[in-house]
Structures are given as C-alpha cells and as structure tokens.
Amino acid sequence: MAVVDIGAGTGDSYWLVRNTKYNFSKYYFVEPFGSMIEKFGDKNHSDVVIVNDYLESETCSAAMSEDRNRKVFIMCASLRTIDQMGRFLGVLKKEMQKGDVFFLAIEPNNEYFGKYYKFMMPLLFSKRVYRKVKSILLRISSPLKRGAGASVNGFDSLHTLDKSLKHLQEKKVVNDKFTREMLYAMVYYNNYLCWRNIDIPENHNDGFFTIEQVAEALDCKISDFSTRTYLYGADMGFEFADGMIEKGLHFLAPRHGSTFSATLVKK
C-alpha cells in the first residue's frame, strides 16, 4: 500500500510510520508550504514523493495518477484547518478507492465543545483564580526578574500567536481590534471552541464537522473511533488525581472527549 500524508508538515507522521517498519510502496508527502518541507530530513529517500502543493491541486493529482496501489491517507491535526471542507472532501473521495483507509488524528471533537464543555467552566474559573492568586503571591515574595532569554522589547518571550498577531498588526494586515482569539479561530477554522465566543454573521458561519459527517461525505464506514482529554484545561496540575479523573471519564463516556482520532474505510 501507498501512504498519502496530507499536511505532512516537517515529517512527524512520516517518522512515526517509518519507525513502525510498515512496508509501504510510496510515501506521498503532501505539504503546500516549502518552509516546512525544508525541515523534513528524509526528502531524498527513494520511497518518498514530495508534493509541494495542496491535495486539491493538479500537481498532487498528477503525482498519484499512475499509482493504482491501495492507499492509507493520513491527516494529523490538519482537517480542522481546511476552509473549504466540502471541496476538500469531494476531492479526497475521488482519490480514495474501495478499501482505502483514511486515518484522522488529534482533531477537535466538536460535539464535546458544543454540548459538554460548559460543564468545565466552573473548573476553568477556579483554575484562573488559583493562578492569579499564585502570581500575586509570587510577586509579593520576590521581585519580578527579566528572563535570561527575553529581548529588550519582550518580543522573544511572546507566545507564537502573539508574535503572529503583532506581525500582522505592524504590516497593517489587521487593525487593533483584531484579537488573538480571532487569529486562533482562523488558524483552526473548524474548531467549535475557537468560534463559540466570537460574534460573526450567521451567513458566514460554515458550521463544524463531526466524524459522522466526514464519513458520510467520503462514503466511508468508521472502523475505529476514540477520544481523549476530557478536562481540557480544567485540570489543576495534580498529575495523579487529574489522571484518575481522565481515566474515569473515558470509561464512562468513551466517545465524549475533547479530541478524537478515527479510522475510516472506503466502502
């Protein structure tokens, strides 16, 4: 079988597959951003076919056109970023043959965020209060010191999202009203959690996918589905207790975690 890694990035999924000793005929490394491919360390391997474009492109279609082998399609934390889901799934459906496998890993379980996340809010509020009090006590007990790696203007110590937002504002791509949360929502376009607190016109709300909708669009059956991370930021940092709660919730509601992984097989 051949492997088609969609949104292959810098090669994390590739190395996971390679290290399992899985015997694939070709590995189609589909990544539209050249800067990511540059960081991939095995691009010259004879089994690897680099496709510096999107799955929907003619470049990608041409690269796989002569390959009649069965395929395993992989997307790791990438489906959430697709901004034209219908078009993408339509192209993927045409590329998949009967018996082909589509493996999705670490995607947002939008049913969790739509139905169950509200029950985490009291815990999240408690955690914010705890962190705030802890921060105040630390400031009182010892003077705030500049980190050794921080720059004079503090830019180097910023979170990646804050750096990106600062860059966009400096380049006049967005104005001062454009927030970090808005940028995060654009990056993870199909994650309900990112959009739930942002007021947007209803006709611009494309909705959020569930695994059942993906399977129906691809004419696939779901052969495996699992979820994880129920507390999703509401854990208090007590590893043993938080771990036991996670295990208990998974036992009681195995399909209701905040992120999911799934295996779909073409009918």
C-alpha atoms as a PDB file:
ATOM      1  CA  MET A   1       0.000   0.000   0.000  1.00  0.00           C
ATOM      2  CA  ALA A   2       0.981   3.614  -0.506  1.00  0.00           C
ATOM      3  CA  VAL A   3       0.745   6.305   2.168  1.00  0.00           C
ATOM      4  CA  VAL A   4      -0.608   9.775   1.408  1.00  0.00           C
ATOM      5  CA  ASP A   5       0.274  12.192   4.199  1.00  0.00           C
ATOM      6  CA  ILE A   6      -1.920  15.291   3.761  1.00  0.00           C
ATOM      7  CA  GLY A   7      -0.496  18.337   5.506  1.00  0.00           C
ATOM      8  CA  ALA A   8       2.702  16.431   6.198  1.00  0.00           C
ATOM      9  CA  GLY A   9       4.414  19.440   7.805  1.00  0.00           C
ATOM     10  CA  THR A  10       8.007  18.745   8.809  1.00  0.00           C
ATOM     11  CA  GLY A  11       7.591  14.967   8.790  1.00  0.00           C
ATOM     12  CA  ASP A  12       6.392  13.957  12.268  1.00  0.00           C
ATOM     13  CA  SER A  13       3.818  11.495  10.906  1.00  0.00           C
ATOM     14  CA  TYR A  14       6.338  10.192   8.372  1.00  0.00           C
ATOM     15  CA  TRP A  15       8.805   9.210  11.084  1.00  0.00           C
ATOM     16  CA  LEU A  16       6.072   7.556  13.148  1.00  0.00           C
ATOM     17  CA  VAL A  17       5.092   5.429  10.136  1.00  0.00           C
ATOM     18  CA  ARG A  18       8.701   4.745   9.141  1.00  0.00           C
ATOM     19  CA  ASN A  19       9.645   3.659  12.665  1.00  0.00           C
ATOM     20  CA  THR A  20       6.808   1.094  12.770  1.00  0.00           C
ATOM     21  CA  LYS A  21       8.583  -0.686   9.872  1.00  0.00           C
ATOM     22  CA  TYR A  22       5.324  -0.526   7.885  1.00  0.00           C
ATOM     23  CA  ASN A  23       6.050  -1.753   4.360  1.00  0.00           C
ATOM     24  CA  PHE A  24       4.658   0.932   2.041  1.00  0.00           C
ATOM     25  CA  SER A  25       5.319   1.217  -1.688  1.00  0.00           C
ATOM     26  CA  LYS A  26       5.383   5.035  -1.802  1.00  0.00           C
ATOM     27  CA  TYR A  27       5.045   7.837   0.711  1.00  0.00           C
ATOM     28  CA  TYR A  28       3.363  10.896  -0.798  1.00  0.00           C
ATOM     29  CA  PHE A  29       4.481  13.820   1.335  1.00  0.00           C
ATOM     30  CA  VAL A  30       1.785  16.417   0.576  1.00  0.00           C
ATOM     31  CA  GLU A  31       2.686  19.803   2.074  1.00  0.00           C
ATOM     32  CA  PRO A  32       1.870  23.195   0.491  1.00  0.00           C
ATOM     33  CA  PHE A  33       4.451  25.171   2.483  1.00  0.00           C
ATOM     34  CA  GLY A  34       8.032  24.870   1.253  1.00  0.00           C
ATOM     35  CA  SER A  35       9.433  26.174   4.536  1.00  0.00           C
ATOM     36  CA  MET A  36       8.013  23.091   6.257  1.00  0.00           C
ATOM     37  CA  ILE A  37       9.394  20.698   3.645  1.00  0.00           C
ATOM     38  CA  GLU A  38      12.864  22.223   4.074  1.00  0.00           C
ATOM     39  CA  LYS A  39      12.857  20.933   7.664  1.00  0.00           C
ATOM     40  CA  PHE A  40      11.967  17.385   6.602  1.00  0.00           C
ATOM     41  CA  GLY A  41      15.096  15.273   6.885  1.00  0.00           C
ATOM     42  CA  ASP A  42      14.362  12.355   4.538  1.00  0.00           C
ATOM     43  CA  LYS A  43      13.074  14.093   1.412  1.00  0.00           C
ATOM     44  CA  ASN A  44      15.572  12.327  -0.884  1.00  0.00           C
ATOM     45  CA  HIS A  45      14.578   8.785   0.113  1.00  0.00           C
ATOM     46  CA  SER A  46      13.619   6.650  -2.904  1.00  0.00           C
ATOM     47  CA  ASP A  47      10.176   5.830  -1.413  1.00  0.00           C
ATOM     48  CA  VAL A  48       9.269   9.460  -0.796  1.00  0.00           C
ATOM     49  CA  VAL A  49       7.393  11.624  -3.312  1.00  0.00           C
ATOM     50  CA  ILE A  50       7.362  15.289  -2.284  1.00  0.00           C
ATOM     51  CA  VAL A  51       4.250  17.184  -3.382  1.00  0.00           C
ATOM     52  CA  ASN A  52       4.702  20.872  -2.592  1.00  0.00           C
ATOM     53  CA  ASP A  53       1.026  21.710  -3.077  1.00  0.00           C
ATOM     54  CA  TYR A  54      -2.485  21.036  -1.787  1.00  0.00           C
ATOM     55  CA  LEU A  55      -4.335  17.733  -2.189  1.00  0.00           C
ATOM     56  CA  GLU A  56      -6.868  19.525  -4.418  1.00  0.00           C
ATOM     57  CA  SER A  57      -4.167  20.666  -6.845  1.00  0.00           C
ATOM     58  CA  GLU A  58      -3.412  19.241 -10.294  1.00  0.00           C
ATOM     59  CA  THR A  59       0.167  18.753  -9.085  1.00  0.00           C
ATOM     60  CA  CYS A  60      -0.954  16.286  -6.433  1.00  0.00           C
ATOM     61  CA  SER A  61      -3.406  14.514  -8.731  1.00  0.00           C
ATOM     62  CA  ALA A  62      -0.703  14.063 -11.376  1.00  0.00           C
ATOM     63  CA  ALA A  63       1.791  12.717  -8.841  1.00  0.00           C
ATOM     64  CA  MET A  64      -0.584   9.922  -7.805  1.00  0.00           C
ATOM     65  CA  SER A  65      -2.334   9.330 -11.152  1.00  0.00           C
ATOM     66  CA  GLU A  66      -0.315   6.246 -12.148  1.00  0.00           C
ATOM     67  CA  ASP A  67      -0.347   4.655  -8.696  1.00  0.00           C
ATOM     68  CA  ARG A  68      -3.109   2.033  -8.548  1.00  0.00           C
ATOM     69  CA  ASN A  69      -1.968   0.629  -5.193  1.00  0.00           C
ATOM     70  CA  ARG A  70      -4.321   0.703  -2.246  1.00  0.00           C
ATOM     71  CA  LYS A  71      -3.668   3.762  -0.090  1.00  0.00           C
ATOM     72  CA  VAL A  72      -3.655   4.903   3.502  1.00  0.00           C
ATOM     73  CA  PHE A  73      -4.491   8.610   3.732  1.00  0.00           C
ATOM     74  CA  ILE A  74      -3.239  10.381   6.863  1.00  0.00           C
ATOM     75  CA  MET A  75      -4.171  13.744   8.325  1.00  0.00           C
ATOM     76  CA  CYS A  76      -2.753  14.678  11.718  1.00  0.00           C
ATOM     77  CA  ALA A  77      -4.300  17.797  13.311  1.00  0.00           C
ATOM     78  CA  SER A  78      -4.899  19.226   9.829  1.00  0.00           C
ATOM     79  CA  LEU A  79      -8.559  18.710   8.898  1.00  0.00           C
ATOM     80  CA  ARG A  80      -9.562  21.442  11.357  1.00  0.00           C
ATOM     81  CA  THR A  81      -7.599  23.977   9.249  1.00  0.00           C
ATOM     82  CA  ILE A  82      -9.446  23.365   5.962  1.00  0.00           C
ATOM     83  CA  ASP A  83     -11.507  26.408   4.937  1.00  0.00           C
ATOM     84  CA  GLN A  84     -13.458  24.760   2.084  1.00  0.00           C
ATOM     85  CA  MET A  85     -14.365  21.457   3.690  1.00  0.00           C
ATOM     86  CA  GLY A  86     -16.914  20.393   1.063  1.00  0.00           C
ATOM     87  CA  ARG A  87     -14.472  20.852  -1.820  1.00  0.00           C
ATOM     88  CA  PHE A  88     -11.650  19.137   0.043  1.00  0.00           C
ATOM     89  CA  LEU A  89     -13.714  16.083   0.986  1.00  0.00           C
ATOM     90  CA  GLY A  90     -15.061  15.884  -2.577  1.00  0.00           C
ATOM     91  CA  VAL A  91     -11.523  15.652  -3.967  1.00  0.00           C
ATOM     92  CA  LEU A  92     -10.469  13.152  -1.310  1.00  0.00           C
ATOM     93  CA  LYS A  93     -13.498  10.983  -2.082  1.00  0.00           C
ATOM     94  CA  LYS A  94     -12.460  10.799  -5.756  1.00  0.00           C
ATOM     95  CA  GLU A  95      -8.897   9.869  -4.810  1.00  0.00           C
ATOM     96  CA  MET A  96      -9.974   7.050  -2.494  1.00  0.00           C
ATOM     97  CA  GLN A  97     -10.655   3.571  -3.884  1.00  0.00           C
ATOM     98  CA  LYS A  98     -12.738   0.854  -2.241  1.00  0.00           C
ATOM     99  CA  GLY A  99     -10.865  -0.487   0.769  1.00  0.00           C
ATOM    100  CA  ASP A 100      -8.615   2.565   1.125  1.00  0.00           C
ATOM    101  CA  VAL A 101      -8.103   3.844   4.662  1.00  0.00           C
ATOM    102  CA  PHE A 102      -8.387   7.411   5.949  1.00  0.00           C
ATOM    103  CA  PHE A 103      -6.755   7.978   9.335  1.00  0.00           C
ATOM    104  CA  LEU A 104      -7.565  11.166  11.233  1.00  0.00           C
ATOM    105  CA  ALA A 105      -5.579  12.003  14.357  1.00  0.00           C
ATOM    106  CA  ILE A 106      -5.967  14.687  17.033  1.00  0.00           C
ATOM    107  CA  GLU A 107      -8.978  16.562  15.680  1.00  0.00           C
ATOM    108  CA  PRO A 108     -11.437  18.625  17.763  1.00  0.00           C
ATOM    109  CA  ASN A 109     -14.464  16.664  18.909  1.00  0.00           C
ATOM    110  CA  ASN A 110     -16.936  19.445  18.180  1.00  0.00           C
ATOM    111  CA  GLU A 111     -19.788  17.593  19.886  1.00  0.00           C
ATOM    112  CA  TYR A 112     -17.802  17.854  23.125  1.00  0.00           C
ATOM    113  CA  PHE A 113     -17.299  21.604  22.756  1.00  0.00           C
ATOM    114  CA  GLY A 114     -20.901  22.131  21.675  1.00  0.00           C
ATOM    115  CA  LYS A 115     -22.557  20.037  24.402  1.00  0.00           C
ATOM    116  CA  TYR A 116     -20.228  19.233  27.270  1.00  0.00           C
ATOM    117  CA  TYR A 117     -17.580  21.963  27.540  1.00  0.00           C
ATOM    118  CA  LYS A 118     -19.961  24.185  29.519  1.00  0.00           C
ATOM    119  CA  PHE A 119     -19.637  21.763  32.446  1.00  0.00           C
ATOM    120  CA  MET A 120     -15.908  22.570  32.607  1.00  0.00           C
ATOM    121  CA  MET A 121     -16.482  26.309  33.047  1.00  0.00           C
ATOM    122  CA  PRO A 122     -16.621  26.308  36.905  1.00  0.00           C
ATOM    123  CA  LEU A 123     -13.336  24.358  36.997  1.00  0.00           C
ATOM    124  CA  LEU A 124     -11.745  26.698  34.458  1.00  0.00           C
ATOM    125  CA  PHE A 125     -12.799  29.727  36.503  1.00  0.00           C
ATOM    126  CA  SER A 126     -11.361  28.140  39.653  1.00  0.00           C
ATOM    127  CA  LYS A 127      -8.092  27.471  37.862  1.00  0.00           C
ATOM    128  CA  ARG A 128      -7.822  31.096  36.675  1.00  0.00           C
ATOM    129  CA  VAL A 129      -8.419  32.343  40.218  1.00  0.00           C
ATOM    130  CA  TYR A 130      -5.810  29.912  41.557  1.00  0.00           C
ATOM    131  CA  ARG A 131      -3.213  31.064  39.010  1.00  0.00           C
ATOM    132  CA  LYS A 132      -3.950  34.736  39.657  1.00  0.00           C
ATOM    133  CA  VAL A 133      -3.582  34.378  43.416  1.00  0.00           C
ATOM    134  CA  LYS A 134      -0.387  32.369  42.971  1.00  0.00           C
ATOM    135  CA  SER A 135       1.025  35.028  40.638  1.00  0.00           C
ATOM    136  CA  ILE A 136       0.261  37.831  43.110  1.00  0.00           C
ATOM    137  CA  LEU A 137       1.865  35.932  45.986  1.00  0.00           C
ATOM    138  CA  LEU A 138       4.990  35.263  43.922  1.00  0.00           C
ATOM    139  CA  ARG A 139       5.297  38.952  43.019  1.00  0.00           C
ATOM    140  CA  ILE A 140       4.995  39.933  46.661  1.00  0.00           C
ATOM    141  CA  SER A 141       7.547  37.380  47.860  1.00  0.00           C
ATOM    142  CA  SER A 142      10.219  38.105  45.219  1.00  0.00           C
ATOM    143  CA  PRO A 143      10.886  40.901  42.709  1.00  0.00           C
ATOM    144  CA  LEU A 144       9.962  40.144  39.138  1.00  0.00           C
ATOM    145  CA  LYS A 145      13.120  39.345  37.206  1.00  0.00           C
ATOM    146  CA  ARG A 146      13.637  39.530  33.456  1.00  0.00           C
ATOM    147  CA  GLY A 147      14.155  36.087  31.903  1.00  0.00           C
ATOM    148  CA  ALA A 148      17.642  35.453  30.574  1.00  0.00           C
ATOM    149  CA  GLY A 149      16.367  34.864  27.049  1.00  0.00           C
ATOM    150  CA  ALA A 150      13.972  37.810  26.855  1.00  0.00           C
ATOM    151  CA  SER A 151      14.695  40.643  24.480  1.00  0.00           C
ATOM    152  CA  VAL A 152      14.567  44.312  25.433  1.00  0.00           C
ATOM    153  CA  ASN A 153      11.059  44.794  23.997  1.00  0.00           C
ATOM    154  CA  GLY A 154       9.822  41.410  25.225  1.00  0.00           C
ATOM    155  CA  PHE A 155       9.035  40.130  21.723  1.00  0.00           C
ATOM    156  CA  ASP A 156      11.133  36.972  22.020  1.00  0.00           C
ATOM    157  CA  SER A 157       9.198  35.889  25.120  1.00  0.00           C
ATOM    158  CA  LEU A 158       5.792  36.181  23.435  1.00  0.00           C
ATOM    159  CA  HIS A 159       3.640  33.178  22.557  1.00  0.00           C
ATOM    160  CA  THR A 160       3.710  32.228  18.863  1.00  0.00           C
ATOM    161  CA  LEU A 161       0.159  33.511  18.363  1.00  0.00           C
ATOM    162  CA  ASP A 162       1.042  36.851  19.944  1.00  0.00           C
ATOM    163  CA  LYS A 163       4.102  37.148  17.698  1.00  0.00           C
ATOM    164  CA  SER A 164       1.962  36.439  14.643  1.00  0.00           C
ATOM    165  CA  LEU A 165      -0.669  38.951  15.687  1.00  0.00           C
ATOM    166  CA  LYS A 166       1.973  41.604  16.360  1.00  0.00           C
ATOM    167  CA  HIS A 167       3.476  40.976  12.899  1.00  0.00           C
ATOM    168  CA  LEU A 168       0.073  41.251  11.179  1.00  0.00           C
ATOM    169  CA  GLN A 169      -0.694  44.499  13.001  1.00  0.00           C
ATOM    170  CA  GLU A 170       2.705  46.004  12.163  1.00  0.00           C
ATOM    171  CA  LYS A 171       2.204  45.127   8.478  1.00  0.00           C
ATOM    172  CA  LYS A 172      -1.282  46.708   8.569  1.00  0.00           C
ATOM    173  CA  VAL A 173      -2.901  43.402   7.544  1.00  0.00           C
ATOM    174  CA  VAL A 174      -5.294  43.685  10.510  1.00  0.00           C
ATOM    175  CA  ASN A 175      -6.271  46.578  12.755  1.00  0.00           C
ATOM    176  CA  ASP A 176      -6.022  46.926  16.533  1.00  0.00           C
ATOM    177  CA  LYS A 177      -9.475  45.396  17.033  1.00  0.00           C
ATOM    178  CA  PHE A 178      -8.305  42.073  15.596  1.00  0.00           C
ATOM    179  CA  THR A 179      -7.616  39.831  18.585  1.00  0.00           C
ATOM    180  CA  ARG A 180      -5.511  36.800  19.423  1.00  0.00           C
ATOM    181  CA  GLU A 181      -8.729  34.746  19.703  1.00  0.00           C
ATOM    182  CA  MET A 182      -9.777  35.766  16.179  1.00  0.00           C
ATOM    183  CA  LEU A 183      -6.408  34.711  14.787  1.00  0.00           C
ATOM    184  CA  TYR A 184      -6.642  31.357  16.588  1.00  0.00           C
ATOM    185  CA  ALA A 185     -10.126  30.818  15.145  1.00  0.00           C
ATOM    186  CA  MET A 186      -8.829  31.445  11.626  1.00  0.00           C
ATOM    187  CA  VAL A 187      -5.945  29.008  12.086  1.00  0.00           C
ATOM    188  CA  TYR A 188      -8.233  26.288  13.457  1.00  0.00           C
ATOM    189  CA  TYR A 189     -11.147  27.087  11.198  1.00  0.00           C
ATOM    190  CA  ASN A 190     -13.356  24.093  12.019  1.00  0.00           C
ATOM    191  CA  ASN A 191     -12.936  24.008  15.796  1.00  0.00           C
ATOM    192  CA  TYR A 192     -16.149  24.965  17.597  1.00  0.00           C
ATOM    193  CA  LEU A 193     -14.230  26.034  20.712  1.00  0.00           C
ATOM    194  CA  CYS A 194     -12.370  28.743  18.774  1.00  0.00           C
ATOM    195  CA  TRP A 195     -15.519  30.347  17.354  1.00  0.00           C
ATOM    196  CA  ARG A 196     -18.012  29.989  20.220  1.00  0.00           C
ATOM    197  CA  ASN A 197     -17.190  33.404  21.766  1.00  0.00           C
ATOM    198  CA  ILE A 198     -16.673  35.335  18.523  1.00  0.00           C
ATOM    199  CA  ASP A 199     -19.662  37.211  17.128  1.00  0.00           C
ATOM    200  CA  ILE A 200     -19.857  36.598  13.379  1.00  0.00           C
ATOM    201  CA  PRO A 201     -22.773  36.924  10.921  1.00  0.00           C
ATOM    202  CA  GLU A 202     -24.783  33.711  10.619  1.00  0.00           C
ATOM    203  CA  ASN A 203     -24.304  33.525   6.833  1.00  0.00           C
ATOM    204  CA  HIS A 204     -20.526  33.371   7.367  1.00  0.00           C
ATOM    205  CA  ASN A 205     -20.741  30.525   9.878  1.00  0.00           C
ATOM    206  CA  ASP A 206     -19.893  27.347   7.967  1.00  0.00           C
ATOM    207  CA  GLY A 207     -20.527  25.073  10.941  1.00  0.00           C
ATOM    208  CA  PHE A 208     -18.257  22.457  12.437  1.00  0.00           C
ATOM    209  CA  PHE A 209     -17.661  18.891  11.309  1.00  0.00           C
ATOM    210  CA  THR A 210     -18.345  15.699  13.208  1.00  0.00           C
ATOM    211  CA  ILE A 211     -16.812  12.324  12.364  1.00  0.00           C
ATOM    212  CA  GLU A 212     -20.186  11.076  11.102  1.00  0.00           C
ATOM    213  CA  GLN A 213     -20.389  13.933   8.588  1.00  0.00           C
ATOM    214  CA  VAL A 214     -16.862  13.227   7.340  1.00  0.00           C
ATOM    215  CA  ALA A 215     -17.622   9.521   6.920  1.00  0.00           C
ATOM    216  CA  GLU A 216     -20.842  10.255   5.017  1.00  0.00           C
ATOM    217  CA  ALA A 217     -19.130  12.754   2.701  1.00  0.00           C
ATOM    218  CA  LEU A 218     -16.388  10.236   1.855  1.00  0.00           C
ATOM    219  CA  ASP A 219     -18.728   7.236   1.596  1.00  0.00           C
ATOM    220  CA  CYS A 220     -16.731   5.506   4.317  1.00  0.00           C
ATOM    221  CA  LYS A 221     -17.510   3.439   7.371  1.00  0.00           C
ATOM    222  CA  ILE A 222     -15.983   4.278  10.746  1.00  0.00           C
ATOM    223  CA  SER A 223     -13.929   1.289  11.827  1.00  0.00           C
ATOM    224  CA  ASP A 224     -12.343   2.878  14.895  1.00  0.00           C
ATOM    225  CA  PHE A 225     -13.066   5.990  16.966  1.00  0.00           C
ATOM    226  CA  SER A 226     -11.509   7.128  20.233  1.00  0.00           C
ATOM    227  CA  THR A 227     -11.366  10.348  22.232  1.00  0.00           C
ATOM    228  CA  ARG A 228      -9.201  11.798  24.985  1.00  0.00           C
ATOM    229  CA  THR A 229      -8.690  14.881  27.217  1.00  0.00           C
ATOM    230  CA  TYR A 230     -11.975  15.441  28.995  1.00  0.00           C
ATOM    231  CA  LEU A 231     -10.811  18.148  31.394  1.00  0.00           C
ATOM    232  CA  TYR A 232      -9.306  20.249  28.571  1.00  0.00           C
ATOM    233  CA  GLY A 233      -7.543  22.926  30.563  1.00  0.00           C
ATOM    234  CA  ALA A 234      -9.626  22.478  33.710  1.00  0.00           C
ATOM    235  CA  ASP A 235      -7.132  20.133  35.399  1.00  0.00           C
ATOM    236  CA  MET A 236      -5.493  21.658  38.440  1.00  0.00           C
ATOM    237  CA  GLY A 237      -1.990  20.313  37.859  1.00  0.00           C
ATOM    238  CA  PHE A 238      -2.180  17.384  40.287  1.00  0.00           C
ATOM    239  CA  GLU A 239      -0.959  14.651  37.961  1.00  0.00           C
ATOM    240  CA  PHE A 240      -2.259  11.562  39.800  1.00  0.00           C
ATOM    241  CA  ALA A 241      -5.716  12.976  40.592  1.00  0.00           C
ATOM    242  CA  ASP A 242      -6.171  14.510  37.124  1.00  0.00           C
ATOM    243  CA  GLY A 243      -5.071  11.238  35.519  1.00  0.00           C
ATOM    244  CA  MET A 244      -7.581   9.219  37.527  1.00  0.00           C
ATOM    245  CA  ILE A 245     -10.388  11.623  36.621  1.00  0.00           C
ATOM    246  CA  GLU A 246      -9.467  11.389  32.926  1.00  0.00           C
ATOM    247  CA  LYS A 247      -9.475   7.574  33.065  1.00  0.00           C
ATOM    248  CA  GLY A 248     -12.816   7.526  34.876  1.00  0.00           C
ATOM    249  CA  LEU A 249     -14.461   9.874  32.383  1.00  0.00           C
ATOM    250  CA  HIS A 250     -13.086   7.871  29.459  1.00  0.00           C
ATOM    251  CA  PHE A 251     -14.560   4.693  30.950  1.00  0.00           C
ATOM    252  CA  LEU A 252     -17.971   6.318  31.452  1.00  0.00           C
ATOM    253  CA  ALA A 253     -18.104   8.230  28.144  1.00  0.00           C
ATOM    254  CA  PRO A 254     -15.556   6.834  25.661  1.00  0.00           C
ATOM    255  CA  ARG A 255     -16.806   8.966  22.733  1.00  0.00           C
ATOM    256  CA  HIS A 256     -17.094  12.305  24.516  1.00  0.00           C
ATOM    257  CA  GLY A 257     -13.534  13.583  24.971  1.00  0.00           C
ATOM    258  CA  SER A 258     -12.389  16.925  23.563  1.00  0.00           C
ATOM    259  CA  THR A 259     -10.179  15.500  20.806  1.00  0.00           C
ATOM    260  CA  PHE A 260     -10.652  12.406  18.677  1.00  0.00           C
ATOM    261  CA  SER A 261      -8.767  10.038  16.415  1.00  0.00           C
ATOM    262  CA  ALA A 262     -10.576   7.860  13.894  1.00  0.00           C
ATOM    263  CA  THR A 263     -10.040   5.307  11.162  1.00  0.00           C
ATOM    264  CA  LEU A 264     -12.377   5.348   8.169  1.00  0.00           C
ATOM    265  CA  VAL A 265     -12.536   2.705   5.422  1.00  0.00           C
ATOM    266  CA  LYS A 266     -13.872   3.392   1.938  1.00  0.00           C
ATOM    267  CA  LYS A 267     -16.969   1.296   1.137  1.00  0.00           C
END
